[in-house]
N, C-alpha and C. Protein backbone atom coordinates (compact mmCIF):
# COMPACT_ATOMS: atom_id res chain seq x y z
N MET A 1 26.40 -1.12 -1.39
CA MET A 1 25.53 -1.56 -1.50
C MET A 1 24.17 -0.97 -0.74
N GLY A 2 24.78 -0.02 0.48
CA GLY A 2 23.70 0.80 1.16
C GLY A 2 23.09 2.11 0.40
N ASP A 3 23.86 2.31 -1.03
CA ASP A 3 22.93 3.49 -1.98
C ASP A 3 22.09 2.66 -3.12
N SER A 4 22.10 1.49 -2.62
CA SER A 4 20.83 1.23 -4.14
C SER A 4 19.67 1.33 -3.59
N VAL A 5 18.90 1.05 -4.84
CA VAL A 5 17.21 1.81 -4.53
C VAL A 5 16.88 0.55 -3.96
N GLN A 6 15.29 0.24 -3.33
CA GLN A 6 14.72 -0.86 -3.05
C GLN A 6 13.42 -0.38 -3.93
N ARG A 7 13.09 -1.87 -4.65
CA ARG A 7 11.68 -1.58 -5.54
C ARG A 7 10.86 -1.98 -4.53
N VAL A 8 10.08 -1.51 -4.64
CA VAL A 8 8.32 -1.57 -3.05
C VAL A 8 7.11 -1.58 -4.09
N ALA A 9 6.00 -2.47 -3.79
CA ALA A 9 4.85 -2.47 -4.64
C ALA A 9 4.00 -2.48 -3.25
N VAL A 10 3.05 -1.15 -3.63
CA VAL A 10 1.65 -1.23 -2.35
C VAL A 10 0.34 -1.27 -2.94
N ALA A 11 -0.53 -2.25 -2.09
CA ALA A 11 -1.64 -2.33 -2.85
C ALA A 11 -2.83 -1.72 -1.89
N VAL A 12 -3.39 -0.67 -2.68
CA VAL A 12 -4.35 0.41 -2.29
C VAL A 12 -5.46 -0.64 -2.82
N VAL A 13 -5.74 -1.04 -1.80
CA VAL A 13 -7.26 -1.95 -1.94
C VAL A 13 -8.49 -1.56 -1.73
N GLU A 14 -9.51 -1.30 -2.27
CA GLU A 14 -10.68 -0.38 -2.29
C GLU A 14 -11.85 -1.45 -2.65
N ASN A 15 -12.25 -1.16 -1.71
CA ASN A 15 -13.47 -2.57 -1.58
C ASN A 15 -14.90 -1.58 -1.40
N GLY A 16 -16.01 -1.21 -1.55
CA GLY A 16 -17.03 -0.09 -1.28
C GLY A 16 -16.80 1.17 -0.77
N GLY A 17 -15.52 1.85 -1.11
CA GLY A 17 -15.56 3.17 -0.65
C GLY A 17 -14.48 3.03 0.80
N ALA A 18 -13.84 1.75 1.36
CA ALA A 18 -13.29 1.59 2.07
C ALA A 18 -11.88 1.41 1.51
N TYR A 19 -11.06 1.43 2.74
CA TYR A 19 -9.39 0.92 1.80
C TYR A 19 -8.98 -0.08 2.75
N LEU A 20 -8.12 -0.77 2.66
CA LEU A 20 -7.84 -1.86 3.65
C LEU A 20 -6.13 -0.70 4.05
N VAL A 21 -6.24 -1.08 5.36
CA VAL A 21 -5.42 0.13 6.17
C VAL A 21 -4.61 -1.08 7.70
N GLY A 22 -3.52 -0.85 7.75
CA GLY A 22 -2.82 -1.25 9.09
C GLY A 22 -1.92 -0.27 9.79
N MET A 23 -1.55 -0.68 11.01
CA MET A 23 -0.37 -0.52 11.29
C MET A 23 0.78 -0.72 11.61
N ARG A 24 2.09 0.29 11.58
CA ARG A 24 3.37 -0.50 10.91
C ARG A 24 3.64 -0.67 12.94
N ARG A 25 3.91 -1.64 13.31
CA ARG A 25 4.62 -2.32 14.77
C ARG A 25 5.72 -1.95 15.46
N PRO A 26 5.26 -1.71 16.66
CA PRO A 26 6.79 -1.34 17.20
C PRO A 26 7.96 -2.00 17.07
N GLY A 27 9.41 -1.26 16.86
CA GLY A 27 10.46 -2.35 16.33
C GLY A 27 10.53 -2.38 14.50
N GLU A 28 9.51 -1.88 14.00
CA GLU A 28 9.33 -2.36 12.43
C GLU A 28 10.58 -0.39 12.07
N VAL A 29 10.57 -0.70 10.75
CA VAL A 29 10.81 0.97 10.27
C VAL A 29 9.47 1.52 10.07
N LEU A 30 9.46 2.97 10.33
CA LEU A 30 8.24 3.96 10.21
C LEU A 30 7.54 3.11 11.21
N ALA A 31 7.92 2.64 12.38
CA ALA A 31 6.47 1.99 13.58
C ALA A 31 5.94 3.02 13.73
N GLY A 32 4.36 2.83 14.18
CA GLY A 32 3.35 3.78 14.68
C GLY A 32 2.83 4.77 13.59
N HIS A 33 3.05 4.64 11.89
CA HIS A 33 2.49 4.75 10.86
C HIS A 33 1.47 3.36 10.43
N ALA A 34 0.66 4.86 10.03
CA ALA A 34 -0.50 3.06 9.27
C ALA A 34 0.29 3.07 7.57
N GLU A 35 -0.22 2.15 7.36
CA GLU A 35 0.19 1.49 6.26
C GLU A 35 -0.58 0.64 5.28
N PHE A 36 -0.65 1.34 4.04
CA PHE A 36 -1.18 -0.15 2.88
C PHE A 36 -0.55 -1.35 2.94
N PRO A 37 -1.02 -2.74 2.65
CA PRO A 37 -0.20 -3.57 2.30
C PRO A 37 1.28 -3.52 1.09
N GLY A 38 2.17 -3.83 1.76
CA GLY A 38 3.29 -3.63 0.62
C GLY A 38 4.28 -4.78 0.92
N GLY A 39 5.32 -4.10 0.12
CA GLY A 39 6.35 -5.00 0.46
C GLY A 39 7.38 -4.69 -0.53
N LYS A 40 8.93 -5.25 -0.72
CA LYS A 40 9.64 -5.31 -1.42
C LYS A 40 9.44 -6.06 -2.70
N CYS A 41 9.76 -6.01 -3.99
CA CYS A 41 9.83 -6.91 -5.06
C CYS A 41 10.92 -7.99 -5.02
N LEU A 42 10.30 -9.38 -5.36
CA LEU A 42 11.57 -9.72 -5.60
C LEU A 42 12.14 -9.50 -6.86
N PRO A 43 13.46 -9.90 -6.94
CA PRO A 43 14.53 -9.87 -8.53
C PRO A 43 13.13 -9.78 -9.49
N ASP A 44 13.14 -9.67 -10.33
CA ASP A 44 11.53 -9.97 -11.77
C ASP A 44 10.68 -9.47 -11.44
N GLU A 45 10.31 -9.55 -10.52
CA GLU A 45 9.06 -9.66 -10.63
C GLU A 45 8.02 -7.95 -10.72
N GLU A 46 7.28 -8.50 -11.40
CA GLU A 46 6.68 -7.50 -11.59
C GLU A 46 5.54 -6.59 -10.59
N SER A 47 5.77 -5.48 -10.78
CA SER A 47 5.43 -4.24 -8.89
C SER A 47 3.51 -5.12 -8.97
N ALA A 48 3.12 -5.00 -9.85
CA ALA A 48 1.61 -5.58 -10.05
C ALA A 48 1.59 -7.10 -9.14
N ASP A 49 2.22 -7.26 -9.49
CA ASP A 49 2.40 -9.04 -9.04
C ASP A 49 3.34 -9.12 -7.23
N CYS A 50 3.87 -8.05 -6.83
CA CYS A 50 4.52 -7.75 -5.75
C CYS A 50 3.19 -7.81 -4.56
N ALA A 51 2.44 -6.58 -5.00
CA ALA A 51 1.43 -6.06 -4.40
C ALA A 51 0.22 -6.79 -4.53
N ILE A 52 -0.21 -7.47 -4.97
CA ILE A 52 -0.65 -8.85 -4.56
C ILE A 52 -0.47 -9.82 -3.68
N ARG A 53 0.90 -10.31 -3.91
CA ARG A 53 1.64 -10.91 -3.07
C ARG A 53 1.39 -10.76 -1.66
N GLU A 54 1.78 -9.75 -1.84
CA GLU A 54 2.02 -8.65 -0.54
C GLU A 54 1.30 -8.58 0.40
N CYS A 55 -0.31 -8.20 -0.76
CA CYS A 55 -1.27 -8.06 0.41
C CYS A 55 -2.11 -9.54 0.36
N ARG A 56 -1.68 -10.34 -0.09
CA ARG A 56 -2.18 -12.06 0.23
C ARG A 56 -1.25 -12.49 2.12
N GLU A 57 0.11 -12.22 1.27
CA GLU A 57 0.79 -12.45 2.54
C GLU A 57 0.56 -11.64 4.17
N GLU A 58 0.32 -10.61 3.69
CA GLU A 58 0.06 -9.76 5.00
C GLU A 58 -1.28 -9.79 5.77
N THR A 59 -2.39 -10.07 4.85
CA THR A 59 -3.65 -9.52 5.14
C THR A 59 -4.61 -10.97 5.05
N GLY A 60 -3.98 -12.06 4.04
CA GLY A 60 -4.83 -13.54 3.54
C GLY A 60 -5.69 -13.10 2.83
N LEU A 61 -5.82 -11.45 1.94
CA LEU A 61 -7.02 -11.56 1.37
C LEU A 61 -6.47 -11.58 -0.08
N PRO A 62 -6.89 -12.43 -1.04
CA PRO A 62 -6.59 -12.33 -2.49
C PRO A 62 -6.80 -11.12 -3.12
N VAL A 63 -6.25 -10.53 -3.66
CA VAL A 63 -7.23 -8.57 -4.23
C VAL A 63 -6.30 -8.74 -6.32
N VAL A 64 -7.04 -8.07 -6.70
CA VAL A 64 -6.47 -8.20 -8.69
C VAL A 64 -6.08 -6.72 -8.44
N ALA A 65 -5.28 -6.56 -9.19
CA ALA A 65 -4.73 -5.12 -9.66
C ALA A 65 -5.72 -4.73 -10.77
N VAL A 66 -6.16 -3.34 -10.31
CA VAL A 66 -6.72 -2.50 -11.37
C VAL A 66 -6.34 -1.86 -12.14
N SER A 67 -5.58 -0.95 -11.39
CA SER A 67 -4.84 0.34 -12.09
C SER A 67 -3.35 0.52 -11.21
N ARG A 68 -2.11 1.16 -11.59
CA ARG A 68 -1.20 1.65 -11.01
C ARG A 68 -1.87 3.03 -10.56
N LEU A 69 -1.94 3.58 -9.74
CA LEU A 69 -2.17 4.76 -9.17
C LEU A 69 -1.24 6.24 -9.19
N TYR A 70 0.05 5.64 -8.64
CA TYR A 70 1.34 6.28 -8.27
C TYR A 70 2.41 6.06 -8.36
N ALA A 71 3.41 6.36 -8.93
CA ALA A 71 5.07 5.98 -8.40
C ALA A 71 5.53 7.04 -8.07
N CYS A 72 6.88 6.72 -7.17
CA CYS A 72 7.73 7.88 -6.61
C CYS A 72 8.65 7.62 -6.89
N ARG A 73 10.29 8.15 -6.53
CA ARG A 73 10.90 7.56 -5.79
C ARG A 73 11.26 8.55 -4.07
N HIS A 74 11.45 8.20 -3.02
CA HIS A 74 11.38 8.41 -1.86
C HIS A 74 13.01 8.21 -1.32
N THR A 75 13.17 9.34 -0.50
CA THR A 75 14.37 9.04 0.37
C THR A 75 13.95 9.01 1.37
N TYR A 76 14.13 8.21 2.54
CA TYR A 76 13.95 7.67 3.73
C TYR A 76 15.17 8.27 4.32
N THR A 77 14.86 8.29 5.85
CA THR A 77 16.57 7.83 6.85
C THR A 77 17.06 6.21 6.38
N HIS A 78 16.00 5.60 6.20
CA HIS A 78 16.61 3.62 5.73
C HIS A 78 16.75 3.69 5.03
N GLY A 79 16.47 4.21 4.03
CA GLY A 79 17.01 4.00 2.80
C GLY A 79 16.39 4.64 1.62
N THR A 80 16.32 4.83 0.39
CA THR A 80 15.97 5.43 -1.18
C THR A 80 14.94 3.97 -1.71
N LEU A 81 13.83 4.68 -1.78
CA LEU A 81 12.43 3.36 -2.37
C LEU A 81 12.20 3.81 -3.75
N ASP A 82 12.12 2.74 -4.17
CA ASP A 82 11.24 2.92 -5.48
C ASP A 82 10.26 2.55 -5.37
N LEU A 83 8.65 3.57 -5.08
CA LEU A 83 7.41 2.40 -4.96
C LEU A 83 6.01 2.86 -6.62
N GLU A 84 5.61 2.23 -5.73
CA GLU A 84 4.27 2.06 -7.03
C GLU A 84 3.14 1.34 -6.52
N PHE A 85 2.46 2.33 -5.82
CA PHE A 85 0.53 2.47 -5.24
C PHE A 85 -0.06 1.31 -6.85
N TRP A 86 -0.36 0.63 -6.21
CA TRP A 86 -1.60 -0.34 -6.88
C TRP A 86 -2.81 0.01 -6.82
N LEU A 87 -4.55 0.68 -7.42
CA LEU A 87 -5.26 0.21 -6.82
C LEU A 87 -5.87 -0.95 -7.11
N CYS A 88 -6.12 -1.99 -6.03
CA CYS A 88 -6.55 -3.15 -6.08
C CYS A 88 -7.92 -3.63 -5.18
N ARG A 89 -8.61 -4.52 -5.82
CA ARG A 89 -10.07 -5.00 -5.32
C ARG A 89 -9.85 -6.53 -4.86
N PRO A 90 -10.99 -6.71 -3.79
CA PRO A 90 -10.54 -7.98 -3.69
C PRO A 90 -11.05 -9.05 -4.97
N ALA A 91 -10.72 -10.07 -4.79
CA ALA A 91 -10.37 -11.16 -5.86
C ALA A 91 -12.03 -12.26 -6.00
N THR A 92 -12.42 -12.01 -4.11
CA THR A 92 -13.84 -13.09 -4.01
C THR A 92 -14.03 -12.29 -3.21
N ASP A 93 -15.78 -12.64 -2.99
CA ASP A 93 -16.91 -12.01 -2.50
C ASP A 93 -16.19 -12.05 -1.07
N SER A 94 -15.32 -12.62 -0.11
CA SER A 94 -14.97 -12.33 1.39
C SER A 94 -14.16 -11.45 1.38
N THR A 95 -14.14 -10.29 2.10
CA THR A 95 -13.06 -9.23 2.63
C THR A 95 -13.14 -9.45 3.92
N ALA A 96 -12.67 -10.21 4.84
CA ALA A 96 -11.99 -10.45 6.08
C ALA A 96 -10.94 -11.14 5.33
N VAL A 97 -10.40 -10.37 6.37
CA VAL A 97 -8.76 -9.32 6.63
C VAL A 97 -8.35 -10.02 7.84
N GLY A 98 -6.81 -10.03 7.81
CA GLY A 98 -6.28 -10.35 9.38
C GLY A 98 -4.95 -9.83 8.92
N GLY A 99 -4.12 -10.49 10.19
CA GLY A 99 -2.81 -9.42 10.37
C GLY A 99 -3.14 -8.12 10.84
N GLY A 100 -4.25 -7.37 11.51
CA GLY A 100 -3.74 -6.23 11.85
C GLY A 100 -4.70 -5.24 11.45
N TYR A 101 -5.16 -5.57 9.75
CA TYR A 101 -5.80 -4.66 9.21
C TYR A 101 -7.09 -4.90 9.22
N GLU A 102 -7.58 -3.24 8.25
CA GLU A 102 -9.22 -3.01 8.67
C GLU A 102 -9.94 -2.08 7.66
N TRP A 103 -10.73 -2.13 7.17
CA TRP A 103 -11.51 -1.38 6.49
C TRP A 103 -11.27 0.42 7.42
N LEU A 104 -11.48 0.85 6.10
CA LEU A 104 -11.83 2.73 6.75
C LEU A 104 -11.95 3.66 5.53
N SER A 105 -13.24 4.27 5.52
CA SER A 105 -13.40 5.63 4.75
C SER A 105 -11.95 5.99 4.46
N ALA A 106 -11.99 6.46 2.93
CA ALA A 106 -11.45 7.43 2.17
C ALA A 106 -10.79 8.95 3.27
N GLN A 107 -11.47 8.59 3.92
CA GLN A 107 -12.09 10.52 4.75
C GLN A 107 -11.25 10.14 5.79
N ALA A 108 -11.48 8.70 6.50
CA ALA A 108 -10.54 8.32 7.19
C ALA A 108 -9.56 8.43 7.47
N LEU A 109 -8.88 8.20 6.20
CA LEU A 109 -7.43 7.62 5.67
C LEU A 109 -6.78 9.26 6.34
N LYS A 110 -6.78 10.68 5.74
CA LYS A 110 -6.61 11.65 6.18
C LYS A 110 -5.56 11.74 7.99
N SER A 111 -7.20 11.56 8.34
CA SER A 111 -6.32 11.57 10.36
C SER A 111 -5.61 10.33 10.66
N LEU A 112 -4.92 9.70 9.55
CA LEU A 112 -3.91 9.03 10.22
C LEU A 112 -2.55 9.62 9.65
N ARG A 113 -1.25 8.72 10.31
CA ARG A 113 0.23 9.12 9.71
C ARG A 113 0.06 8.29 8.92
N PHE A 114 0.67 8.78 8.00
CA PHE A 114 1.39 7.47 7.22
C PHE A 114 3.12 7.77 6.59
N PRO A 115 3.59 7.23 5.82
CA PRO A 115 5.03 7.16 5.55
C PRO A 115 4.72 8.48 4.50
N GLU A 116 5.10 9.24 4.72
CA GLU A 116 5.50 10.93 3.83
C GLU A 116 5.38 10.63 2.19
N ALA A 117 5.55 8.98 1.60
CA ALA A 117 5.63 8.98 0.79
C ALA A 117 4.31 8.57 -0.32
N ASN A 118 3.62 8.25 0.92
CA ASN A 118 2.18 8.29 0.76
C ASN A 118 1.27 9.18 0.67
N ARG A 119 1.54 10.40 1.14
CA ARG A 119 0.61 11.39 1.10
C ARG A 119 0.13 11.86 -0.24
N PRO A 120 0.65 11.64 -1.32
CA PRO A 120 -0.05 12.36 -2.78
C PRO A 120 -1.59 10.89 -3.10
N VAL A 121 -1.12 9.84 -2.65
CA VAL A 121 -2.08 9.12 -3.01
C VAL A 121 -3.23 8.93 -1.84
N ILE A 122 -2.68 9.88 -0.60
CA ILE A 122 -4.26 9.67 0.08
C ILE A 122 -4.90 10.78 -0.31
N ASP A 123 -4.08 11.75 -0.13
CA ASP A 123 -4.86 13.13 -0.98
C ASP A 123 -5.72 12.91 -2.18
N ARG A 124 -5.11 11.90 -2.60
CA ARG A 124 -6.29 11.67 -4.43
C ARG A 124 -8.21 10.58 -3.79
N LEU A 125 -7.46 10.11 -2.81
CA LEU A 125 -8.14 8.60 -2.37
C LEU A 125 -9.53 9.83 -1.50
N ALA A 126 -8.81 10.80 -0.83
CA ALA A 126 -9.64 11.58 0.37
C ALA A 126 -10.30 12.40 -0.52
N ALA A 127 -9.80 12.47 -2.00
CA ALA A 127 -10.79 13.36 -2.84
C ALA A 127 -11.70 12.39 -3.77
N GLY A 128 -11.83 11.63 -3.52
CA GLY A 128 -12.66 10.77 -4.61
C GLY A 128 -12.01 10.79 -5.73
N GLU A 129 -10.19 10.80 -6.01
CA GLU A 129 -9.88 10.52 -7.46
C GLU A 129 -9.50 8.39 -7.35
N GLN A 130 -9.21 7.80 -7.80
CA GLN A 130 -8.41 7.01 -7.92
C GLN A 130 -7.84 6.61 -9.42
N SER A 131 -8.03 7.81 -10.45
CA SER A 131 -7.55 7.11 -11.82
C SER A 131 -6.14 6.89 -12.17
N ALA A 132 -5.43 5.88 -12.59
CA ALA A 132 -3.95 5.98 -13.00
C ALA A 132 -3.24 7.66 -13.23
N SER A 133 -2.05 6.96 -12.58
CA SER A 133 -1.30 8.10 -13.32
C SER A 133 -0.25 7.72 -14.13
């Protein structure tokens, strides 16, 4: 089972040019790295639905998925992941978030240490590109 691939969906939540970002806590895989809300997909769960669910669980913010930004398979020391990054927007007028997440500008993202698989997404967001791949 150790060589199975885990499906992961990531919510790249944009609002007024700012993105929702948190930090991985000590004791977690990739501790100290910045992260977008996201997590493992449930069996038979669509990745967009997973991104929406994980964002709400982690930040309390309801979002809608707009388009798929990027997808890749990446192998870390802890396992191989099939990642899908979804551009999302808040589903309500409220942009209050919890769970240690905060809104940061696209340019600020480049100064943070994200997991390696996030790099193409960060580069595109910092360049002002949000189109689906």
